Amino acid sequence: MLHILKNDGRIVSYQLKRVARSVTLSCQAAELETSQTTDTVKNVIASLHAWLKNKEEVTTSDIRSQVLKTLTSTQPQAAVIYESARNLE
């Protein structure tokens, strides 16, 4: 089972829904069409899961970096929004 090390030191289970939601919201804010948003979310999740394969524990920063890497190469405008949202937290 994959564990996520949060910034405050807590360890939580990986939640695919949270990643998918943040990518979806970033794509929507970038005004992508629904089909582009769906494809982007699928692409990001597939890439993230390939990266997570054989890992037992990662940090939230690791996950954000991997998501941002994929978004930057596929939907740069959504990547800027995704990164900006993190800076607002």
PDB file of N, CA and C in Angstrom:
ATOM      1  N   MET A   1       0.842  -1.174   0.000  1.00  0.00           N
ATOM      2  CA  MET A   1       0.000   0.000   0.000  1.00  0.00           C
ATOM      3  C   MET A   1       0.893   1.246   0.000  1.00  0.00           C
ATOM      4  N   LEU A   2       0.554   2.187  -0.823  1.00  0.00           N
ATOM      5  CA  LEU A   2       1.315   3.423  -0.944  1.00  0.00           C
ATOM      6  C   LEU A   2       0.921   4.403   0.152  1.00  0.00           C
ATOM      7  N   HIS A   3       1.935   4.981   0.786  1.00  0.00           N
ATOM      8  CA  HIS A   3       1.703   5.986   1.815  1.00  0.00           C
ATOM      9  C   HIS A   3       2.267   7.318   1.359  1.00  0.00           C
ATOM     10  N   ILE A   4       1.553   8.367   1.729  1.00  0.00           N
ATOM     11  CA  ILE A   4       1.952   9.726   1.380  1.00  0.00           C
ATOM     12  C   ILE A   4       2.378  10.440   2.658  1.00  0.00           C
ATOM     13  N   LEU A   5       3.580  10.989   2.636  1.00  0.00           N
ATOM     14  CA  LEU A   5       4.080  11.755   3.763  1.00  0.00           C
ATOM     15  C   LEU A   5       3.695  13.213   3.546  1.00  0.00           C
ATOM     16  N   LYS A   6       2.804  13.709   4.407  1.00  0.00           N
ATOM     17  CA  LYS A   6       2.323  15.080   4.293  1.00  0.00           C
ATOM     18  C   LYS A   6       3.370  16.046   4.850  1.00  0.00           C
ATOM     19  N   ASN A   7       3.225  17.319   4.509  1.00  0.00           N
ATOM     20  CA  ASN A   7       4.171  18.344   4.956  1.00  0.00           C
ATOM     21  C   ASN A   7       4.246  18.458   6.479  1.00  0.00           C
ATOM     22  N   ASP A   8       3.147  18.144   7.158  1.00  0.00           N
ATOM     23  CA  ASP A   8       3.131  18.250   8.617  1.00  0.00           C
ATOM     24  C   ASP A   8       3.609  16.975   9.312  1.00  0.00           C
ATOM     25  N   GLY A   9       4.085  16.005   8.529  1.00  0.00           N
ATOM     26  CA  GLY A   9       4.624  14.772   9.094  1.00  0.00           C
ATOM     27  C   GLY A   9       3.646  13.614   9.164  1.00  0.00           C
ATOM     28  N   ARG A  10       2.365  13.890   8.934  1.00  0.00           N
ATOM     29  CA  ARG A  10       1.377  12.796   8.949  1.00  0.00           C
ATOM     30  C   ARG A  10       1.595  11.889   7.749  1.00  0.00           C
ATOM     31  N   ILE A  11       1.218  10.627   7.904  1.00  0.00           N
ATOM     32  CA  ILE A  11       1.248   9.667   6.804  1.00  0.00           C
ATOM     33  C   ILE A  11      -0.192   9.287   6.500  1.00  0.00           C
ATOM     34  N   VAL A  12      -0.571   9.440   5.232  1.00  0.00           N
ATOM     35  CA  VAL A  12      -1.941   9.140   4.801  1.00  0.00           C
ATOM     36  C   VAL A  12      -1.888   8.206   3.599  1.00  0.00           C
ATOM     37  N   SER A  13      -3.013   7.621   3.279  1.00  0.00           N
ATOM     38  CA  SER A  13      -3.114   6.767   2.096  1.00  0.00           C
ATOM     39  C   SER A  13      -3.228   7.621   0.844  1.00  0.00           C
ATOM     40  N   TYR A  14      -2.731   7.089  -0.256  1.00  0.00           N
ATOM     41  CA  TYR A  14      -2.831   7.763  -1.556  1.00  0.00           C
ATOM     42  C   TYR A  14      -4.294   7.842  -1.965  1.00  0.00           C
ATOM     43  N   GLN A  15      -4.719   9.015  -2.430  1.00  0.00           N
ATOM     44  CA  GLN A  15      -6.101   9.204  -2.866  1.00  0.00           C
ATOM     45  C   GLN A  15      -6.120   9.719  -4.303  1.00  0.00           C
ATOM     46  N   LEU A  16      -6.400   8.829  -5.219  1.00  0.00           N
ATOM     47  CA  LEU A  16      -6.472   9.153  -6.632  1.00  0.00           C
ATOM     48  C   LEU A  16      -7.454  10.288  -6.888  1.00  0.00           C
ATOM     49  N   LYS A  17      -8.581  10.293  -6.188  1.00  0.00           N
ATOM     50  CA  LYS A  17      -9.617  11.310  -6.399  1.00  0.00           C
ATOM     51  C   LYS A  17      -9.090  12.726  -6.170  1.00  0.00           C
ATOM     52  N   ARG A  18      -8.226  12.889  -5.192  1.00  0.00           N
ATOM     53  CA  ARG A  18      -7.697  14.233  -4.889  1.00  0.00           C
ATOM     54  C   ARG A  18      -6.811  14.740  -6.015  1.00  0.00           C
ATOM     55  N   VAL A  19      -5.988  13.855  -6.556  1.00  0.00           N
ATOM     56  CA  VAL A  19      -5.115  14.238  -7.669  1.00  0.00           C
ATOM     57  C   VAL A  19      -5.965  14.568  -8.894  1.00  0.00           C
ATOM     58  N   ALA A  20      -6.904  13.689  -9.203  1.00  0.00           N
ATOM     59  CA  ALA A  20      -7.766  13.895 -10.374  1.00  0.00           C
ATOM     60  C   ALA A  20      -8.551  15.198 -10.245  1.00  0.00           C
ATOM     61  N   ARG A  21      -9.038  15.488  -9.059  1.00  0.00           N
ATOM     62  CA  ARG A  21      -9.817  16.714  -8.856  1.00  0.00           C
ATOM     63  C   ARG A  21      -8.956  17.959  -9.054  1.00  0.00           C
ATOM     64  N   SER A  22      -7.756  17.968  -8.526  1.00  0.00           N
ATOM     65  CA  SER A  22      -6.912  19.163  -8.662  1.00  0.00           C
ATOM     66  C   SER A  22      -6.500  19.389 -10.117  1.00  0.00           C
ATOM     67  N   VAL A  23      -6.257  18.307 -10.848  1.00  0.00           N
ATOM     68  CA  VAL A  23      -5.920  18.442 -12.267  1.00  0.00           C
ATOM     69  C   VAL A  23      -7.150  18.908 -13.042  1.00  0.00           C
ATOM     70  N   THR A  24      -8.301  18.356 -12.736  1.00  0.00           N
ATOM     71  CA  THR A  24      -9.540  18.757 -13.407  1.00  0.00           C
ATOM     72  C   THR A  24      -9.819  20.243 -13.187  1.00  0.00           C
ATOM     73  N   LEU A  25      -9.702  20.691 -11.956  1.00  0.00           N
ATOM     74  CA  LEU A  25      -9.954  22.103 -11.663  1.00  0.00           C
ATOM     75  C   LEU A  25      -8.959  23.013 -12.379  1.00  0.00           C
ATOM     76  N   SER A  26      -7.720  22.596 -12.473  1.00  0.00           N
ATOM     77  CA  SER A  26      -6.711  23.386 -13.183  1.00  0.00           C
ATOM     78  C   SER A  26      -7.034  23.463 -14.675  1.00  0.00           C
ATOM     79  N   CYS A  27      -7.467  22.355 -15.236  1.00  0.00           N
ATOM     80  CA  CYS A  27      -7.833  22.336 -16.659  1.00  0.00           C
ATOM     81  C   CYS A  27      -9.065  23.194 -16.923  1.00  0.00           C
ATOM     82  N   GLN A  28     -10.026  23.116 -16.027  1.00  0.00           N
ATOM     83  CA  GLN A  28     -11.228  23.930 -16.188  1.00  0.00           C
ATOM     84  C   GLN A  28     -10.893  25.412 -16.075  1.00  0.00           C
ATOM     85  N   ALA A  29     -10.030  25.768 -15.150  1.00  0.00           N
ATOM     86  CA  ALA A  29      -9.624  27.164 -15.000  1.00  0.00           C
ATOM     87  C   ALA A  29      -8.857  27.654 -16.224  1.00  0.00           C
ATOM     88  N   ALA A  30      -8.183  26.728 -16.902  1.00  0.00           N
ATOM     89  CA  ALA A  30      -7.470  27.061 -18.135  1.00  0.00           C
ATOM     90  C   ALA A  30      -8.413  27.073 -19.333  1.00  0.00           C
ATOM     91  N   GLU A  31      -9.689  26.826 -19.068  1.00  0.00           N
ATOM     92  CA  GLU A  31     -10.744  26.837 -20.081  1.00  0.00           C
ATOM     93  C   GLU A  31     -10.539  25.807 -21.187  1.00  0.00           C
ATOM     94  N   LEU A  32     -10.060  24.618 -20.793  1.00  0.00           N
ATOM     95  CA  LEU A  32      -9.956  23.521 -21.750  1.00  0.00           C
ATOM     96  C   LEU A  32     -11.339  22.930 -21.978  1.00  0.00           C
ATOM     97  N   GLU A  33     -11.537  22.378 -23.143  1.00  0.00           N
ATOM     98  CA  GLU A  33     -12.798  21.695 -23.426  1.00  0.00           C
ATOM     99  C   GLU A  33     -12.887  20.451 -22.553  1.00  0.00           C
ATOM    100  N   THR A  34     -14.107  19.986 -22.350  1.00  0.00           N
ATOM    101  CA  THR A  34     -14.331  18.827 -21.489  1.00  0.00           C
ATOM    102  C   THR A  34     -13.528  17.613 -21.944  1.00  0.00           C
ATOM    103  N   SER A  35     -13.495  17.368 -23.250  1.00  0.00           N
ATOM    104  CA  SER A  35     -12.754  16.210 -23.753  1.00  0.00           C
ATOM    105  C   SER A  35     -11.251  16.360 -23.513  1.00  0.00           C
ATOM    106  N   GLN A  36     -10.736  17.582 -23.637  1.00  0.00           N
ATOM    107  CA  GLN A  36      -9.319  17.824 -23.360  1.00  0.00           C
ATOM    108  C   GLN A  36      -9.021  17.626 -21.876  1.00  0.00           C
ATOM    109  N   THR A  37      -9.929  18.081 -21.039  1.00  0.00           N
ATOM    110  CA  THR A  37      -9.760  17.913 -19.596  1.00  0.00           C
ATOM    111  C   THR A  37      -9.725  16.440 -19.241  1.00  0.00           C
ATOM    112  N   THR A  38     -10.676  15.684 -19.767  1.00  0.00           N
ATOM    113  CA  THR A  38     -10.738  14.245 -19.495  1.00  0.00           C
ATOM    114  C   THR A  38      -9.465  13.551 -19.947  1.00  0.00           C
ATOM    115  N   ASP A  39      -9.006  13.855 -21.156  1.00  0.00           N
ATOM    116  CA  ASP A  39      -7.781  13.242 -21.671  1.00  0.00           C
ATOM    117  C   ASP A  39      -6.562  13.633 -20.840  1.00  0.00           C
ATOM    118  N   THR A  40      -6.514  14.880 -20.420  1.00  0.00           N
ATOM    119  CA  THR A  40      -5.390  15.355 -19.619  1.00  0.00           C
ATOM    120  C   THR A  40      -5.355  14.659 -18.270  1.00  0.00           C
ATOM    121  N   VAL A  41      -6.499  14.545 -17.619  1.00  0.00           N
ATOM    122  CA  VAL A  41      -6.559  13.862 -16.325  1.00  0.00           C
ATOM    123  C   VAL A  41      -6.103  12.412 -16.478  1.00  0.00           C
ATOM    124  N   LYS A  42      -6.587  11.729 -17.503  1.00  0.00           N
ATOM    125  CA  LYS A  42      -6.182  10.331 -17.742  1.00  0.00           C
ATOM    126  C   LYS A  42      -4.682  10.234 -17.961  1.00  0.00           C
ATOM    127  N   ASN A  43      -4.138  11.149 -18.734  1.00  0.00           N
ATOM    128  CA  ASN A  43      -2.716  11.156 -19.035  1.00  0.00           C
ATOM    129  C   ASN A  43      -1.883  11.391 -17.770  1.00  0.00           C
ATOM    130  N   VAL A  44      -2.285  12.371 -16.980  1.00  0.00           N
ATOM    131  CA  VAL A  44      -1.564  12.686 -15.748  1.00  0.00           C
ATOM    132  C   VAL A  44      -1.604  11.496 -14.786  1.00  0.00           C
ATOM    133  N   ILE A  45      -2.768  10.904 -14.623  1.00  0.00           N
ATOM    134  CA  ILE A  45      -2.916   9.764 -13.704  1.00  0.00           C
ATOM    135  C   ILE A  45      -2.086   8.576 -14.180  1.00  0.00           C
ATOM    136  N   ALA A  46      -2.114   8.297 -15.479  1.00  0.00           N
ATOM    137  CA  ALA A  46      -1.326   7.176 -16.008  1.00  0.00           C
ATOM    138  C   ALA A  46       0.161   7.403 -15.789  1.00  0.00           C
ATOM    139  N   SER A  47       0.605   8.618 -16.056  1.00  0.00           N
ATOM    140  CA  SER A  47       2.011   8.954 -15.859  1.00  0.00           C
ATOM    141  C   SER A  47       2.394   8.864 -14.381  1.00  0.00           C
ATOM    142  N   LEU A  48       1.537   9.372 -13.518  1.00  0.00           N
ATOM    143  CA  LEU A  48       1.796   9.328 -12.083  1.00  0.00           C
ATOM    144  C   LEU A  48       1.856   7.892 -11.582  1.00  0.00           C
ATOM    145  N   HIS A  49       0.927   7.065 -12.024  1.00  0.00           N
ATOM    146  CA  HIS A  49       0.908   5.674 -11.580  1.00  0.00           C
ATOM    147  C   HIS A  49       2.144   4.918 -12.062  1.00  0.00           C
ATOM    148  N   ALA A  50       2.600   5.217 -13.264  1.00  0.00           N
ATOM    149  CA  ALA A  50       3.835   4.585 -13.755  1.00  0.00           C
ATOM    150  C   ALA A  50       5.013   4.994 -12.875  1.00  0.00           C
ATOM    151  N   TRP A  51       5.054   6.252 -12.482  1.00  0.00           N
ATOM    152  CA  TRP A  51       6.128   6.742 -11.620  1.00  0.00           C
ATOM    153  C   TRP A  51       6.031   6.139 -10.210  1.00  0.00           C
ATOM    154  N   LEU A  52       4.808   5.985  -9.707  1.00  0.00           N
ATOM    155  CA  LEU A  52       4.603   5.464  -8.358  1.00  0.00           C
ATOM    156  C   LEU A  52       4.849   3.955  -8.243  1.00  0.00           C
ATOM    157  N   LYS A  53       4.877   3.279  -9.372  1.00  0.00           N
ATOM    158  CA  LYS A  53       5.039   1.830  -9.367  1.00  0.00           C
ATOM    159  C   LYS A  53       6.261   1.453  -8.528  1.00  0.00           C
ATOM    160  N   ASN A  54       6.072   0.505  -7.647  1.00  0.00           N
ATOM    161  CA  ASN A  54       7.126  -0.036  -6.777  1.00  0.00           C
ATOM    162  C   ASN A  54       7.588   0.925  -5.684  1.00  0.00           C
ATOM    163  N   LYS A  55       6.873   2.009  -5.472  1.00  0.00           N
ATOM    164  CA  LYS A  55       7.196   2.909  -4.371  1.00  0.00           C
ATOM    165  C   LYS A  55       6.247   2.616  -3.210  1.00  0.00           C
ATOM    166  N   GLU A  56       6.760   2.683  -2.005  1.00  0.00           N
ATOM    167  CA  GLU A  56       5.932   2.452  -0.827  1.00  0.00           C
ATOM    168  C   GLU A  56       5.542   3.745  -0.135  1.00  0.00           C
ATOM    169  N   GLU A  57       6.413   4.769  -0.241  1.00  0.00           N
ATOM    170  CA  GLU A  57       6.129   6.035   0.412  1.00  0.00           C
ATOM    171  C   GLU A  57       6.738   7.169  -0.399  1.00  0.00           C
ATOM    172  N   VAL A  58       5.953   8.223  -0.593  1.00  0.00           N
ATOM    173  CA  VAL A  58       6.418   9.427  -1.283  1.00  0.00           C
ATOM    174  C   VAL A  58       5.849  10.628  -0.533  1.00  0.00           C
ATOM    175  N   THR A  59       6.359  11.789  -0.844  1.00  0.00           N
ATOM    176  CA  THR A  59       5.836  13.008  -0.213  1.00  0.00           C
ATOM    177  C   THR A  59       4.793  13.655  -1.119  1.00  0.00           C
ATOM    178  N   THR A  60       4.019  14.540  -0.539  1.00  0.00           N
ATOM    179  CA  THR A  60       3.052  15.285  -1.346  1.00  0.00           C
ATOM    180  C   THR A  60       3.800  16.135  -2.377  1.00  0.00           C
ATOM    181  N   SER A  61       4.965  16.628  -2.009  1.00  0.00           N
ATOM    182  CA  SER A  61       5.773  17.418  -2.954  1.00  0.00           C
ATOM    183  C   SER A  61       6.219  16.583  -4.138  1.00  0.00           C
ATOM    184  N   ASP A  62       6.566  15.319  -3.889  1.00  0.00           N
ATOM    185  CA  ASP A  62       6.950  14.412  -4.976  1.00  0.00           C
ATOM    186  C   ASP A  62       5.802  14.251  -5.969  1.00  0.00           C
ATOM    187  N   ILE A  63       4.612  14.053  -5.437  1.00  0.00           N
ATOM    188  CA  ILE A  63       3.439  13.866  -6.295  1.00  0.00           C
ATOM    189  C   ILE A  63       3.160  15.137  -7.085  1.00  0.00           C
ATOM    190  N   ARG A  64       3.170  16.276  -6.416  1.00  0.00           N
ATOM    191  CA  ARG A  64       2.923  17.549  -7.114  1.00  0.00           C
ATOM    192  C   ARG A  64       3.938  17.770  -8.225  1.00  0.00           C
ATOM    193  N   SER A  65       5.195  17.447  -7.969  1.00  0.00           N
ATOM    194  CA  SER A  65       6.244  17.617  -8.986  1.00  0.00           C
ATOM    195  C   SER A  65       5.987  16.746 -10.203  1.00  0.00           C
ATOM    196  N   GLN A  66       5.584  15.516  -9.966  1.00  0.00           N
ATOM    197  CA  GLN A  66       5.315  14.604 -11.078  1.00  0.00           C
ATOM    198  C   GLN A  66       4.096  15.055 -11.879  1.00  0.00           C
ATOM    199  N   VAL A  67       3.054  15.487 -11.183  1.00  0.00           N
ATOM    200  CA  VAL A  67       1.855  15.988 -11.871  1.00  0.00           C
ATOM    201  C   VAL A  67       2.222  17.224 -12.692  1.00  0.00           C
ATOM    202  N   LEU A  68       2.967  18.118 -12.102  1.00  0.00           N
ATOM    203  CA  LEU A  68       3.360  19.348 -12.783  1.00  0.00           C
ATOM    204  C   LEU A  68       4.218  19.046 -14.014  1.00  0.00           C
ATOM    205  N   LYS A  69       5.097  18.088 -13.904  1.00  0.00           N
ATOM    206  CA  LYS A  69       5.947  17.693 -15.035  1.00  0.00           C
ATOM    207  C   LYS A  69       5.095  17.246 -16.222  1.00  0.00           C
ATOM    208  N   THR A  70       4.109  16.405 -15.962  1.00  0.00           N
ATOM    209  CA  THR A  70       3.240  15.918 -17.043  1.00  0.00           C
ATOM    210  C   THR A  70       2.372  17.046 -17.586  1.00  0.00           C
ATOM    211  N   LEU A  71       1.792  17.840 -16.699  1.00  0.00           N
ATOM    212  CA  LEU A  71       0.953  18.951 -17.156  1.00  0.00           C
ATOM    213  C   LEU A  71       1.745  19.952 -17.987  1.00  0.00           C
ATOM    214  N   THR A  72       2.959  20.241 -17.592  1.00  0.00           N
ATOM    215  CA  THR A  72       3.783  21.205 -18.321  1.00  0.00           C
ATOM    216  C   THR A  72       4.021  20.753 -19.751  1.00  0.00           C
ATOM    217  N   SER A  73       4.195  19.464 -19.948  1.00  0.00           N
ATOM    218  CA  SER A  73       4.464  18.965 -21.296  1.00  0.00           C
ATOM    219  C   SER A  73       3.197  18.793 -22.135  1.00  0.00           C
ATOM    220  N   THR A  74       2.047  18.681 -21.484  1.00  0.00           N
ATOM    221  CA  THR A  74       0.816  18.439 -22.249  1.00  0.00           C
ATOM    222  C   THR A  74      -0.139  19.633 -22.288  1.00  0.00           C
ATOM    223  N   GLN A  75      -0.255  20.338 -21.175  1.00  0.00           N
ATOM    224  CA  GLN A  75      -1.177  21.479 -21.073  1.00  0.00           C
ATOM    225  C   GLN A  75      -0.494  22.575 -20.248  1.00  0.00           C
ATOM    226  N   PRO A  76       0.418  23.320 -20.868  1.00  0.00           N
ATOM    227  CA  PRO A  76       1.200  24.320 -20.125  1.00  0.00           C
ATOM    228  C   PRO A  76       0.363  25.347 -19.353  1.00  0.00           C
ATOM    229  N   GLN A  77      -0.742  25.772 -19.924  1.00  0.00           N
ATOM    230  CA  GLN A  77      -1.573  26.770 -19.239  1.00  0.00           C
ATOM    231  C   GLN A  77      -2.182  26.180 -17.961  1.00  0.00           C
ATOM    232  N   ALA A  78      -2.637  24.940 -18.040  1.00  0.00           N
ATOM    233  CA  ALA A  78      -3.176  24.269 -16.854  1.00  0.00           C
ATOM    234  C   ALA A  78      -2.074  24.050 -15.822  1.00  0.00           C
ATOM    235  N   ALA A  79      -0.856  23.810 -16.296  1.00  0.00           N
ATOM    236  CA  ALA A  79       0.279  23.620 -15.386  1.00  0.00           C
ATOM    237  C   ALA A  79       0.552  24.882 -14.579  1.00  0.00           C
ATOM    238  N   VAL A  80       0.483  26.027 -15.224  1.00  0.00           N
ATOM    239  CA  VAL A  80       0.700  27.300 -14.523  1.00  0.00           C
ATOM    240  C   VAL A  80      -0.362  27.482 -13.441  1.00  0.00           C
ATOM    241  N   ILE A  81      -1.592  27.161 -13.762  1.00  0.00           N
ATOM    242  CA  ILE A  81      -2.688  27.295 -12.792  1.00  0.00           C
ATOM    243  C   ILE A  81      -2.506  26.297 -11.649  1.00  0.00           C
ATOM    244  N   TYR A  82      -2.141  25.072 -11.979  1.00  0.00           N
ATOM    245  CA  TYR A  82      -1.905  24.037 -10.963  1.00  0.00           C
ATOM    246  C   TYR A  82      -0.811  24.482  -9.996  1.00  0.00           C
ATOM    247  N   GLU A  83       0.272  25.002 -10.536  1.00  0.00           N
ATOM    248  CA  GLU A  83       1.383  25.457  -9.712  1.00  0.00           C
ATOM    249  C   GLU A  83       0.979  26.675  -8.877  1.00  0.00           C
ATOM    250  N   SER A  84       0.227  27.578  -9.455  1.00  0.00           N
ATOM    251  CA  SER A  84      -0.221  28.775  -8.731  1.00  0.00           C
ATOM    252  C   SER A  84      -1.130  28.415  -7.577  1.00  0.00           C
ATOM    253  N   ALA A  85      -1.982  27.411  -7.770  1.00  0.00           N
ATOM    254  CA  ALA A  85      -2.888  26.990  -6.712  1.00  0.00           C
ATOM    255  C   ALA A  85      -2.109  26.492  -5.515  1.00  0.00           C
ATOM    256  N   ARG A  86      -1.000  25.846  -5.721  1.00  0.00           N
ATOM    257  CA  ARG A  86      -0.164  25.353  -4.626  1.00  0.00           C
ATOM    258  C   ARG A  86       0.425  26.533  -3.859  1.00  0.00           C
ATOM    259  N   ASN A  87       0.816  27.548  -4.577  1.00  0.00           N
ATOM    260  CA  ASN A  87       1.411  28.708  -3.932  1.00  0.00           C
ATOM    261  C   ASN A  87       0.395  29.478  -3.093  1.00  0.00           C
ATOM    262  N   LEU A  88      -0.884  29.280  -3.353  1.00  0.00           N
ATOM    263  CA  LEU A  88      -1.931  29.966  -2.600  1.00  0.00           C
ATOM    264  C   LEU A  88      -2.286  29.234  -1.309  1.00  0.00           C
ATOM    265  N   GLU A  89      -1.906  27.967  -1.208  1.00  0.00           N
ATOM    266  CA  GLU A  89      -2.275  27.157  -0.031  1.00  0.00           C
ATOM    267  C   GLU A  89      -1.549  27.594   1.202  1.00  0.00           C
TER     268      GLU A  89
END
